Every structure is written in structure tokens, then in C-alpha cells.
Amino acid sequence: MTMTESPQKHKILVVDDEPDLEPLMLQRMRRYIRTGVYEFVFAHDGVEALEALDADESIDMVLSDINMPKMDGLTLLERIPDVSPDIRAVIISAYGDMKNIRIAMNRGAFDFVTKPVDFDDLKFTIDRTLQHIREWKEALSARDKLVVLQNELNVASMMQQSILPNKFARNDDYKLFGTMQPARNVGGDFFDVIGLADGKVGLAIADVSGKGVPAALFMMSSRTLLKGAAMRANGPGEALTEVNDVLNEDNDACMFVTMIYAVYDPDTGVLTYADGGHDPPLVVHADGSSTQLPVTDGLALGVLPGFDFLQDSYELSPGDTVVLYTDGVTEAINAEEEQLGLTRLREAFAANPPGDAEDAGHRVIDLVNEFAGDVPQFDDTTCLVLRREN
């Protein structure tokens, strides 16, 4: 406590029908009253005590005698939770009255002191009770914060899941499939499929920085911007350039999103893509070998305004499967704190080439789950797959 801080004042309700107790308590505790440590209020029976508790929420604890008219201390203990469930009570009992002390403790008393009252012992008991109350309130506050956080994560998860496509093209030219396995902490992964002119299709996969509702909101904003840019832009590079400029205009939270945006032309089999700081796609060939597409040296979107994103192209052969994934795949952790890595992903397909787009997507999720085991993951596992059929 610094020189300028004042001690926290605790209000104590003393319940006793003896008229001499009030002046005695005020006299013996005067030093703590003057320094602002304690404030005492008084009631003469259990009925008055309940009325005081109901009228004053700032009372921290009750110090009560057992034998009183109208309502005794044992009955008061039963009634206190109905009025102030977080109040703690200390009972004053005659020395040797263990029967009533046991009843009092069974009815929720935190502690007891015996008559004649030793005020040093009473001070120690009061301080111990108040310390317990402080710890209890801190625990309740932490619980409430946890509930709020969990509600926030539930909202973020619903927002995240609501925008993901759940129907995918399956035709003679190509097949698509996407899937996401949320982690314990909700992140900002998303994937999207965008129908374009001339039978072309846009594919996007992205990972927003941060967790919870802010990441989910930034994710939805990024997805909406990309959809609009994809319709107007002349290629993926131009689309990412437009999205990046808009995100940088109003980004006080300094969030960013890594993204791959690609356009597939089924007439030519050409996949044109731009990389916004994201892991580049992996092309798995029909024989199980694989090619990681070259990066286009793009930055994460939302970091630097006025950046021109480049694009590159790759011609797929029939049977080629393009796997786009977030770092929740390659950075999955096992019990030995090893990362799954790109090599294991490639080896999994080398041993058993995917049969179709859906098979490839499920294989990625299964690989991560088998590798991680029971270890909680802190990032979503997301992939989007395109397979050229003819």
C-alpha cells in the first residue's frame, strides 16, 4: 500500500441483545475504526439483523450472539443466505457450549469466538474471515469473467461457422471440399468459394490474428471485402491489393489477416493465385508426389497500405489436388511439443494419394488429430481442397 492509498473499510454487523456490547465494541476497536479499517453497525436480534442486511448491501460480515429474543443466532444463520448469500458469519458463544457451536458451523458459520470475548482473538478472527471473503469475491469475479469469456467464445464460434460454405461443386471438371475443426480458443480462420464469370471459381483461405469476437468480426469484414473485390478485380493480385487498402483505412485494433486467394479456370486447368503472407498451397499429384507452389512475396493484409500484391499461375494436370490450409495444420503440436510440419503432411499423401477432394480434406483433419492426440490445440485446423478431374 502506498502513502496515498487508504485501507479498505469493511462493514461488520454485530448482532447481540446485550446493551453494553455496542459501546464496549466501539471502545475496544476504536483504533481500527479511526483508521478506516472497520465500520460497525448494530442489531439487537435476528429480525433486526435481516432487515439491516436487506437494506445495506455493503455489509461484509456478521458477528452474532446465539441467545437473543425474537430470532436467535442459529435461526439467523439459516436465514442469512436468503438475504445475502455471500455474507460470512462468526458466532459468539458461551465457553464450552460445543453443542450450539457445532449446530452453528453446520448451518454455515465461518468461525466462532467464545465469551468472555478476548478482543485480540476477535480481531484475529475478524481479519481471517474478511480475508476469506476477499478471496471468495475474487473467485466469484474470476468465475463471472470466465462465463463472459465463454459466452464471447460461443458467439465467435457461431459467427465463424455461419459464414463457411457447406455445399461444394462436384462436376466432371473439378471437385471442391472445405472443412474446419475449431480449436479450444476461437480464432479467425475462414475459407470461401466464390462463383465468377466465365465458369471460373475463386478460392480463399485465411487466418485472422487474435481470438474471440474481435477476430470473428475482422474475419467477417475481410470475407465481405474479398467477395466484392473478387467480382471487380482483374485477377487475385488486384483483389488482395484492394482488400488490403480498405482494411488499412480503419484498423485501430491493428489486426491483420493472412490469406491465399486463387482463381481456377476449368477450361484451361490454370490456377492463378496471390499470397497475402499465408502458407502457399500444396499440389498433390495423382502418384502421391507433391509440389508446394512458389510464394508471391505478399504481406499479411492490414499491415501496410498501398502494397501491390503479385500473382502467379500453375497449370493443374488431371488428378492434381490443390490443398490450401492454415497454420493450424502444420503447426499442430503433439505431446512431445513437436510441430506436425509440411514434411509429415506431404508424406501422408505420398503413401496414399487422395481419392477425391473430400477424401483429401478429411485426411488432413485426421492427420492432425492423430498427431496431436489428447493435446489441446490453440489454433483452428482449416483446409480447402480443389481437385482437377479432367
Foldseek 3Di string as FASTA:
>chain_A
DDPPDAEAEAEEEEEAQDPVPVVVVCVVCVVCVVSRHYDYDYHHALVVVLVVLQVDVRHAEYEYEADGPPHGPLRSLQCVCVRPVLYAYEYEEAPPPVVVVVSSVVSGHPYYAYPPGDVVVVVVVVVVSVVVSVVVVVVVVVVVVVVVQVVQQVVLVCLQVVPADDDWDDDQFKTKDKDKDAFPFAWQWYWDWAQEPPRKIKIKIKTKPDTTPVSSVVSVLLVVQLNVLVHPDPFAQSSLLRSLQVLQVDPPVQMWMWMKMWMADSVQQKIKIWTACFQAKWKQAQQLAIDGDDHQPHHTRNHDHPDGIDMDMDHDDARIKIKDWGVLQQQQQAPVRDGNHPVVLSVQCNVPPAPHNVSNNVSSVVVSCVRHPPPGGDGMTIMMMMHTHD
